[in-house]
Amino acid sequence: MGTSRNVERRTILKVAGASAATLGLAATTGCGGDGSGSGNGTVTLRYAWWGGEPRTIAIKKTIDLFEKKYPKIKIKPEFTDYAAFWEKFQTQASGGNPPDVFQNAVGFLRKYDKRGVLLDLKTQADAGNLSLENFRNGVLANGQVDGKQLGIPVGANTMALVIDLKAFKKAGVEPKMGWTWDEYFDALQTIQDKLKIAGDTGYFGIMYLYDLYLRQNGKAFFTDSDLGFTEDDLTQWWEDGYKRVRSGLVADPKKIEQVAPKSGLSAGLAASEFTWDNFSIRYEGEGESDYGLAPIPTTDGKETGQYLGSLMLSGFSGTKHPKEVAQFIDFMVHDPEVGRIMGYDRGILATTEQYEAFTPTDDNNKGVKAYEEEVAAAGVLGKITPHPSGADVIEAAFLRLGGEIAQGKTKPADAAKALFNEAKAAFAG
């Protein structure tokens, strides 16, 4: 679901929005995602996703399973990294030729629904081609917009604080559920004083973390059609962040850039980093320390503002093969063997069939599962914040402007004004 500090999210999406009129027309041309049929009754579906090599290897194994069960449906895979995926998708959608099935995220649902690109999968569920049962913790709602089911979750995750376990232990800091922001920043100060390293890699440029902070204070980043906070709110958030850069509690942004795409946490530049919990697995492979998950700080000692985000599968509204698209998605989200193959690559498995089929054996995946169970048991999970059309553009702007503030290139008040101007244009697009 997709901003974090990981490679997928760190790459800024730089694509201009195609007109709604163009996309709306394209979606009705019946090009069908170029899915094709043959004289022997075989159907070919294009399936596209973004992600690294491990995800691609796993997904190809699940495609093989599907084709064995459905020998009359062939899957043509298409895959790339996050930014290239959405650049290509926008071009394809403009031309009326997106993939029949594709990986999606909540920030893009309203955008492409508005342009007539997304298949309402509820109609296929009503026809018996897709089951909407057995989804965990209400995560199915993440794919719903205005009564339509535009995406089917394949995994779920929530925000967490990834910490350098050795650094926190050496500094004598022990994060606990319900700790406050004041306690968190005190912990960063202790780490800086004792270990002479920054406490955080750059929390204030992460849109989804700011959303949690707003939710803790009775607001949210988005409403159904607008921003849910004021310029003054954002100015204060960014001013506080910049002060902590100057004090050394937050890592030097120039050093963070120098180690990219490696994380500043795994590079040893800081002791903690906010991200989605399932992304934490990357740090173990990158860094030389041990890493774990800590709770989100709170305003009142209780509410974290958290919710489950998810990656999901969507279908093209103009596909020639909506039944087969639905059958493919159903298999990919419910089949137990698919769950065992995918593991937590795209988040904690979304359906009970797959969740129960996969038992993590390594410490990292065990830690992600334990963290999500702890958060669920604490009763802090709420409903996901709406993401209006244009949310993806605003997410990229938030990260970019946060980086400019961190480097002293833009004043917080000016950056806040710029974000609101860019948001206005994005919502109108």
Protein backbone atom coordinates (compact mmCIF):
# COMPACT_ATOMS: atom_id res chain seq x y z
CA MET A 1 0.00 0.00 0.00
CA GLY A 2 1.65 1.80 -0.98
CA THR A 3 5.18 5.60 1.03
CA SER A 4 7.94 3.96 2.93
CA ARG A 5 11.67 4.36 2.90
CA ASN A 6 12.09 1.15 0.90
CA VAL A 7 13.28 1.06 -2.68
CA GLU A 8 9.80 0.82 -4.20
CA ARG A 9 8.56 3.86 -2.32
CA ARG A 10 11.71 5.88 -2.36
CA THR A 11 11.56 6.23 -6.15
CA ILE A 12 9.47 9.24 -7.01
CA LEU A 13 6.72 8.70 -9.52
CA LYS A 14 7.17 11.33 -12.22
CA VAL A 15 4.34 10.85 -14.65
CA ALA A 16 1.83 13.40 -15.82
CA GLY A 17 -1.83 12.44 -15.54
CA ALA A 18 -3.54 11.53 -18.76
CA SER A 19 -6.92 13.13 -19.24
CA ALA A 20 -9.98 11.44 -17.80
CA ALA A 21 -11.69 11.80 -21.13
CA THR A 22 -8.92 9.98 -22.97
CA LEU A 23 -8.76 7.15 -20.45
CA GLY A 24 -12.50 6.87 -20.20
CA LEU A 25 -12.75 6.46 -23.96
CA ALA A 26 -9.88 3.99 -24.00
CA ALA A 27 -11.53 1.84 -21.35
CA THR A 28 -14.56 1.34 -23.56
CA THR A 29 -12.71 0.34 -26.70
CA GLY A 30 -12.85 -3.34 -25.75
CA CYS A 31 -9.14 -3.92 -26.31
CA GLY A 32 -9.31 -6.33 -23.41
CA GLY A 33 -5.83 -5.78 -22.06
CA ASP A 34 -4.71 -7.54 -25.22
CA GLY A 35 -5.81 -10.76 -23.55
CA SER A 36 -6.39 -13.17 -26.40
CA GLY A 37 -8.12 -16.40 -27.25
CA SER A 38 -7.21 -19.14 -29.68
CA GLY A 39 -9.09 -21.53 -31.86
CA ASN A 40 -8.78 -24.33 -29.30
CA GLY A 41 -10.51 -22.28 -26.63
CA THR A 42 -7.35 -21.24 -24.78
CA VAL A 43 -7.41 -17.76 -23.22
CA THR A 44 -4.28 -15.69 -22.57
CA LEU A 45 -4.27 -13.06 -19.80
CA ARG A 46 -1.57 -10.45 -19.23
CA TYR A 47 -0.57 -10.18 -15.57
CA ALA A 48 1.64 -7.29 -14.43
CA TRP A 49 3.30 -6.44 -11.13
CA TRP A 50 6.16 -4.49 -9.63
CA GLY A 51 8.78 -5.75 -7.21
CA GLY A 52 12.19 -7.33 -6.87
CA GLU A 53 13.58 -10.62 -8.11
CA PRO A 54 12.38 -12.76 -5.15
CA ARG A 55 8.78 -11.63 -5.77
CA THR A 56 9.06 -12.37 -9.48
CA ILE A 57 10.46 -15.86 -8.87
CA ALA A 58 7.65 -16.63 -6.40
CA ILE A 59 4.88 -15.24 -8.61
CA LYS A 60 6.07 -17.27 -11.59
CA LYS A 61 5.77 -20.41 -9.44
CA THR A 62 2.19 -19.48 -8.57
CA ILE A 63 1.42 -18.91 -12.27
CA ASP A 64 2.63 -22.44 -13.01
CA LEU A 65 0.25 -23.78 -10.36
CA PHE A 66 -2.66 -21.84 -11.80
CA GLU A 67 -2.02 -23.01 -15.35
CA LYS A 68 -1.98 -26.64 -14.19
CA LYS A 69 -5.40 -26.19 -12.59
CA TYR A 70 -6.76 -24.13 -15.50
CA PRO A 71 -5.05 -25.52 -18.63
CA LYS A 72 -7.28 -23.41 -20.89
CA ILE A 73 -6.00 -20.14 -19.32
CA LYS A 74 -2.44 -19.03 -20.04
CA ILE A 75 -0.76 -16.17 -18.17
CA LYS A 76 1.67 -13.77 -19.81
CA PRO A 77 3.78 -12.11 -17.06
CA GLU A 78 4.96 -8.49 -17.12
CA PHE A 79 7.05 -7.06 -14.29
CA THR A 80 9.29 -4.11 -13.45
CA ASP A 81 10.13 -1.78 -10.57
CA TYR A 82 7.60 0.50 -8.89
CA ALA A 83 8.16 3.75 -10.78
CA ALA A 84 8.55 2.11 -14.19
CA PHE A 85 5.42 0.06 -13.58
CA TRP A 86 3.19 3.10 -13.10
CA GLU A 87 4.78 5.03 -15.96
CA LYS A 88 4.09 2.11 -18.27
CA PHE A 89 0.63 1.52 -16.85
CA GLN A 90 -0.40 5.11 -17.42
CA THR A 91 0.67 4.87 -21.05
CA GLN A 92 -1.13 1.57 -21.48
CA ALA A 93 -4.29 2.87 -19.86
CA SER A 94 -4.24 5.96 -22.08
CA GLY A 95 -4.11 3.67 -25.10
CA GLY A 96 -6.83 1.36 -23.83
CA ASN A 97 -4.44 -1.56 -23.45
CA PRO A 98 -3.52 -2.13 -19.79
CA PRO A 99 -2.90 -5.67 -18.50
CA ASP A 100 -5.92 -7.86 -17.84
CA VAL A 101 -4.78 -8.33 -14.22
CA PHE A 102 -2.34 -6.17 -12.33
CA GLN A 103 -0.92 -5.45 -8.90
CA ASN A 104 -2.48 -2.33 -7.41
CA ALA A 105 -2.50 -0.17 -4.28
CA VAL A 106 -5.05 2.01 -2.54
CA GLY A 107 -3.52 5.28 -3.74
CA PHE A 108 -4.43 4.43 -7.34
CA LEU A 109 -7.98 3.07 -6.97
CA ARG A 110 -9.97 6.29 -7.24
CA LYS A 111 -7.59 7.67 -9.85
CA TYR A 112 -8.16 4.85 -12.29
CA ASP A 113 -11.77 4.23 -11.32
CA LYS A 114 -12.45 7.87 -12.21
CA ARG A 115 -10.99 7.14 -15.64
CA GLY A 116 -13.00 3.99 -16.21
CA VAL A 117 -10.05 1.61 -16.16
CA LEU A 118 -10.90 -0.72 -13.26
CA LEU A 119 -13.18 -3.77 -13.36
CA ASP A 120 -15.81 -3.95 -10.60
CA LEU A 121 -14.99 -7.40 -9.25
CA LYS A 122 -18.17 -7.50 -7.19
CA THR A 123 -20.05 -8.37 -10.38
CA GLN A 124 -17.78 -11.38 -10.85
CA ALA A 125 -18.24 -12.37 -7.22
CA ASP A 126 -22.00 -12.19 -7.70
CA ALA A 127 -21.60 -14.45 -10.75
CA GLY A 128 -19.73 -17.04 -8.66
CA ASN A 129 -16.34 -16.58 -10.29
CA LEU A 130 -14.62 -15.03 -7.28
CA SER A 131 -15.02 -15.46 -3.51
CA LEU A 132 -15.05 -12.40 -1.26
CA GLU A 133 -15.12 -14.56 1.88
CA ASN A 134 -12.44 -15.31 4.49
CA PHE A 135 -10.49 -12.05 4.37
CA ARG A 136 -8.75 -11.21 7.65
CA ASN A 137 -9.28 -8.16 9.87
CA GLY A 138 -11.60 -6.34 7.47
CA VAL A 139 -8.84 -5.83 4.90
CA LEU A 140 -11.21 -6.51 1.96
CA ALA A 141 -12.59 -2.99 2.47
CA ASN A 142 -9.25 -1.57 1.28
CA GLY A 143 -10.25 -2.42 -2.28
CA GLN A 144 -13.72 -0.88 -2.10
CA VAL A 145 -14.68 2.48 -3.59
CA ASP A 146 -18.26 3.80 -3.77
CA GLY A 147 -19.79 0.35 -3.41
CA LYS A 148 -17.50 -1.25 -5.99
CA GLN A 149 -14.82 -3.88 -5.33
CA LEU A 150 -11.95 -2.53 -7.41
CA GLY A 151 -9.11 -4.49 -5.81
CA ILE A 152 -8.72 -7.81 -3.99
CA PRO A 153 -6.01 -7.77 -1.27
CA VAL A 154 -3.21 -10.31 -1.52
CA GLY A 155 -1.47 -9.16 1.65
CA ALA A 156 -1.87 -6.72 4.49
CA ASN A 157 0.59 -4.69 6.50
CA THR A 158 0.74 -1.80 8.90
CA MET A 159 3.24 0.89 9.79
CA ALA A 160 5.94 0.07 12.30
CA LEU A 161 9.17 1.44 13.70
CA VAL A 162 12.11 -0.70 12.60
CA ILE A 163 14.91 -0.46 15.14
CA ASP A 164 18.55 -1.47 15.40
CA LEU A 165 18.17 -3.90 18.29
CA LYS A 166 21.83 -3.70 19.32
CA ALA A 167 21.79 0.10 19.37
CA PHE A 168 18.60 0.33 21.42
CA LYS A 169 19.86 -2.28 23.87
CA LYS A 170 23.24 -0.58 24.24
CA ALA A 171 21.51 2.74 24.87
CA GLY A 172 19.20 1.13 27.43
CA VAL A 173 16.04 2.05 25.52
CA GLU A 174 13.07 -0.34 25.47
CA PRO A 175 10.10 0.65 23.28
CA LYS A 176 6.69 -0.45 24.55
CA MET A 177 3.16 -0.39 23.16
CA GLY A 178 1.59 2.95 24.07
CA TRP A 179 4.78 4.94 24.40
CA THR A 180 4.39 8.60 23.46
CA TRP A 181 6.08 10.79 20.89
CA ASP A 182 7.87 12.60 23.73
CA GLU A 183 9.22 9.27 24.95
CA TYR A 184 10.28 8.37 21.43
CA PHE A 185 12.21 11.58 20.93
CA ASP A 186 13.73 11.22 24.41
CA ALA A 187 14.90 7.78 23.28
CA LEU A 188 16.52 9.29 20.20
CA GLN A 189 18.31 11.80 22.41
CA THR A 190 19.60 9.00 24.63
CA ILE A 191 20.86 7.11 21.58
CA GLN A 192 22.58 10.21 20.26
CA ASP A 193 24.19 10.97 23.63
CA LYS A 194 25.42 7.42 24.28
CA LEU A 195 26.19 6.09 20.82
CA LYS A 196 26.94 9.28 18.88
CA ILE A 197 24.61 8.36 16.02
CA ALA A 198 21.28 9.81 14.90
CA GLY A 199 18.14 8.23 16.25
CA ASP A 200 15.99 8.37 13.10
CA THR A 201 16.54 8.40 9.33
CA GLY A 202 13.96 11.08 8.44
CA TYR A 203 10.48 10.40 9.79
CA PHE A 204 8.87 13.68 8.76
CA GLY A 205 8.97 13.02 5.01
CA ILE A 206 6.82 9.89 5.22
CA MET A 207 3.22 10.63 4.26
CA TYR A 208 1.79 7.51 5.84
CA LEU A 209 3.44 8.23 9.18
CA TYR A 210 2.07 11.76 9.17
CA ASP A 211 -1.34 10.25 8.45
CA LEU A 212 -1.05 8.19 11.65
CA TYR A 213 -0.06 11.27 13.64
CA LEU A 214 -3.05 13.16 12.26
CA ARG A 215 -5.38 10.26 13.04
CA GLN A 216 -4.10 10.27 16.61
CA ASN A 217 -5.24 13.87 16.78
CA GLY A 218 -8.70 13.46 15.30
CA LYS A 219 -7.79 14.29 11.70
CA ALA A 220 -6.45 12.36 8.69
CA PHE A 221 -4.22 13.03 5.72
CA PHE A 222 -7.08 12.66 3.24
CA THR A 223 -10.82 12.98 3.15
CA ASP A 224 -12.78 11.45 0.27
CA SER A 225 -11.92 14.38 -1.97
CA ASP A 226 -9.40 16.67 -0.24
CA LEU A 227 -6.64 17.04 2.35
CA GLY A 228 -7.78 16.55 5.93
CA PHE A 229 -5.40 19.00 7.61
CA THR A 230 -4.27 22.63 7.33
CA GLU A 231 -1.12 24.33 6.10
CA ASP A 232 -0.40 25.32 9.70
CA ASP A 233 -0.64 21.68 10.80
CA LEU A 234 1.89 20.61 8.19
CA THR A 235 4.19 23.57 8.79
CA GLN A 236 4.44 22.61 12.46
CA TRP A 237 5.19 18.95 11.62
CA TRP A 238 7.93 19.91 9.19
CA GLU A 239 9.40 22.63 11.43
CA ASP A 240 9.72 20.10 14.27
CA GLY A 241 11.36 17.64 11.90
CA TYR A 242 13.87 20.14 10.58
CA LYS A 243 14.85 21.16 14.12
CA ARG A 244 15.70 17.51 14.80
CA VAL A 245 17.84 17.33 11.68
CA ARG A 246 19.82 20.34 12.85
CA SER A 247 20.17 18.89 16.35
CA GLY A 248 21.43 15.57 15.01
CA LEU A 249 18.52 13.48 16.27
CA VAL A 250 17.60 12.85 12.63
CA ALA A 251 20.31 11.71 10.25
CA ASP A 252 22.06 14.06 7.83
CA PRO A 253 19.94 13.84 4.62
CA LYS A 254 23.03 14.15 2.42
CA LYS A 255 24.50 11.05 4.02
CA ILE A 256 21.17 9.25 3.60
CA GLU A 257 21.26 10.07 -0.12
CA GLN A 258 24.83 8.85 -0.43
CA VAL A 259 23.97 5.33 0.74
CA ALA A 260 20.77 5.03 -1.32
CA PRO A 261 19.17 2.74 -2.32
CA LYS A 262 20.46 1.16 0.87
CA SER A 263 18.58 2.33 3.95
CA GLY A 264 20.15 4.81 6.34
CA LEU A 265 19.22 2.39 9.12
CA SER A 266 21.02 -0.63 7.68
CA ALA A 267 23.94 1.63 6.74
CA GLY A 268 24.38 2.48 10.42
CA LEU A 269 23.55 6.17 10.01
CA ALA A 270 20.62 6.00 12.43
CA ALA A 271 19.04 3.63 14.92
CA SER A 272 15.45 3.59 13.69
CA GLU A 273 13.24 4.07 10.66
CA PHE A 274 9.48 4.15 10.15
CA THR A 275 8.18 1.92 7.36
CA TRP A 276 5.63 -0.79 6.59
CA ASP A 277 6.25 -3.80 8.81
CA ASN A 278 6.82 -6.36 6.04
CA PHE A 279 9.54 -4.17 4.49
CA SER A 280 11.60 -4.69 7.62
CA ILE A 281 12.93 -7.96 6.22
CA ARG A 282 15.19 -6.06 3.80
CA TYR A 283 17.30 -4.55 6.59
CA GLU A 284 18.62 -7.91 7.76
CA GLY A 285 20.08 -8.55 4.34
CA GLU A 286 21.50 -5.04 3.98
CA GLY A 287 22.92 -4.32 7.40
CA GLU A 288 25.39 -5.79 9.86
CA SER A 289 23.27 -5.43 13.00
CA ASP A 290 20.07 -7.14 14.16
CA TYR A 291 16.73 -5.45 13.49
CA GLY A 292 13.28 -5.69 15.01
CA LEU A 293 9.88 -4.02 15.07
CA ALA A 294 8.78 -1.52 17.70
CA PRO A 295 5.36 0.11 18.26
CA ILE A 296 4.26 3.41 16.70
CA PRO A 297 4.52 6.27 19.24
CA THR A 298 1.22 7.76 20.41
CA THR A 299 -0.18 11.13 21.39
CA ASP A 300 -2.36 9.88 24.24
CA GLY A 301 -0.54 6.73 25.32
CA LYS A 302 -3.04 4.47 23.58
CA GLU A 303 -4.19 5.23 20.02
CA THR A 304 -1.59 4.74 17.28
CA GLY A 305 -3.86 5.67 14.36
CA GLN A 306 -2.86 2.45 12.59
CA TYR A 307 -4.77 0.53 9.95
CA LEU A 308 -4.01 -2.30 7.59
CA GLY A 309 -2.78 -1.29 4.18
CA SER A 310 -2.49 -3.79 1.37
CA LEU A 311 -1.26 -4.65 -2.05
CA MET A 312 -4.08 -5.99 -4.18
CA LEU A 313 -4.99 -7.39 -7.55
CA SER A 314 -7.25 -5.49 -9.94
CA GLY A 315 -8.70 -6.22 -13.36
CA PHE A 316 -9.07 -4.07 -16.47
CA SER A 317 -12.65 -3.00 -17.15
CA GLY A 318 -12.18 -3.56 -20.88
CA THR A 319 -10.78 -7.09 -20.66
CA LYS A 320 -12.25 -9.58 -23.11
CA HIS A 321 -12.14 -12.25 -20.42
CA PRO A 322 -13.64 -10.96 -17.14
CA LYS A 323 -14.60 -14.45 -15.94
CA GLU A 324 -11.07 -15.77 -16.37
CA VAL A 325 -9.64 -12.64 -14.72
CA ALA A 326 -11.85 -13.30 -11.70
CA GLN A 327 -10.90 -16.98 -11.59
CA PHE A 328 -7.22 -16.07 -11.70
CA ILE A 329 -7.55 -13.51 -8.89
CA ASP A 330 -9.60 -15.95 -6.81
CA PHE A 331 -6.88 -18.58 -7.13
CA MET A 332 -4.12 -16.13 -6.26
CA VAL A 333 -5.77 -14.91 -3.05
CA HIS A 334 -7.34 -18.13 -1.75
CA ASP A 335 -5.19 -21.09 -2.82
CA PRO A 336 -3.16 -22.38 0.17
CA GLU A 337 -0.15 -23.44 -1.90
CA VAL A 338 0.08 -19.94 -3.38
CA GLY A 339 0.20 -18.64 0.21
CA ARG A 340 3.04 -21.00 1.07
CA ILE A 341 4.99 -19.86 -1.98
CA MET A 342 4.46 -16.11 -1.54
CA GLY A 343 4.89 -15.96 2.23
CA TYR A 344 4.93 -12.38 3.49
CA ASP A 345 6.56 -10.85 0.41
CA ARG A 346 3.51 -8.65 -0.16
CA GLY A 347 2.48 -8.40 3.48
CA ILE A 348 0.77 -10.76 5.91
CA LEU A 349 -1.41 -13.06 3.79
CA ALA A 350 -4.89 -11.60 3.44
CA THR A 351 -7.14 -14.67 3.51
CA THR A 352 -7.49 -17.26 6.24
CA GLU A 353 -6.72 -20.10 3.80
CA GLN A 354 -3.33 -18.65 2.93
CA TYR A 355 -2.55 -17.25 6.38
CA GLU A 356 -3.04 -20.68 7.95
CA ALA A 357 -1.10 -22.41 5.18
CA PHE A 358 2.12 -20.43 5.68
CA THR A 359 4.16 -20.85 8.84
CA PRO A 360 7.17 -18.51 8.98
CA THR A 361 10.38 -20.24 9.98
CA ASP A 362 12.90 -17.37 10.04
CA ASP A 363 13.13 -14.75 12.77
CA ASN A 364 12.28 -11.83 10.48
CA ASN A 365 8.99 -13.22 9.22
CA LYS A 366 8.15 -14.49 12.69
CA GLY A 367 8.73 -10.97 13.96
CA VAL A 368 6.39 -9.45 11.37
CA LYS A 369 3.65 -11.94 12.26
CA ALA A 370 4.11 -11.34 16.00
CA TYR A 371 4.03 -7.58 15.52
CA GLU A 372 0.79 -7.64 13.52
CA GLU A 373 -0.81 -9.96 16.06
CA GLU A 374 0.25 -7.63 18.88
CA VAL A 375 -1.21 -4.62 17.09
CA ALA A 376 -4.46 -6.44 16.36
CA ALA A 377 -4.73 -7.64 19.98
CA ALA A 378 -4.19 -4.07 21.22
CA GLY A 379 -7.36 -3.01 19.42
CA VAL A 380 -5.76 0.02 17.77
CA LEU A 381 -6.45 -0.88 14.14
CA GLY A 382 -8.96 1.43 12.48
CA LYS A 383 -10.42 1.85 9.01
CA ILE A 384 -8.03 2.94 6.31
CA THR A 385 -7.97 6.64 5.45
CA PRO A 386 -9.64 7.43 2.08
CA HIS A 387 -7.33 8.04 -0.86
CA PRO A 388 -8.90 10.39 -3.42
CA SER A 389 -7.87 10.55 -7.05
CA GLY A 390 -4.46 12.23 -7.17
CA ALA A 391 -3.21 10.69 -3.91
CA ASP A 392 -0.23 9.14 -5.68
CA VAL A 393 0.93 12.54 -6.96
CA ILE A 394 0.58 14.06 -3.49
CA GLU A 395 2.50 11.19 -1.91
CA ALA A 396 5.43 11.84 -4.24
CA ALA A 397 5.26 15.59 -3.56
CA PHE A 398 5.25 15.02 0.20
CA LEU A 399 8.40 12.91 0.04
CA ARG A 400 10.15 15.36 -2.29
CA LEU A 401 9.29 18.44 -0.23
CA GLY A 402 10.23 16.71 3.00
CA GLY A 403 13.65 16.00 1.50
CA GLU A 404 14.07 19.63 0.46
CA ILE A 405 13.26 20.76 4.00
CA ALA A 406 15.72 18.28 5.49
CA GLN A 407 18.50 19.71 3.32
CA GLY A 408 17.58 23.30 4.15
CA LYS A 409 16.58 24.05 0.56
CA THR A 410 12.96 24.96 1.36
CA LYS A 411 11.41 26.52 4.46
CA PRO A 412 8.67 24.42 6.10
CA ALA A 413 5.98 27.08 5.59
CA ASP A 414 6.87 27.44 1.91
CA ALA A 415 6.89 23.68 1.45
CA ALA A 416 3.48 23.36 3.10
CA LYS A 417 2.07 26.00 0.77
CA ALA A 418 3.60 24.20 -2.21
CA LEU A 419 2.08 20.88 -1.16
CA PHE A 420 -1.39 22.40 -0.93
CA ASN A 421 -0.98 23.96 -4.38
CA GLU A 422 0.16 20.67 -5.87
CA ALA A 423 -2.66 18.83 -4.14
CA LYS A 424 -5.22 21.24 -5.61
CA ALA A 425 -3.90 20.56 -9.09
CA ALA A 426 -3.78 16.79 -8.47
CA PHE A 427 -7.38 16.67 -7.27
CA ALA A 428 -8.52 18.67 -10.29
CA GLY A 429 -6.69 16.41 -12.73
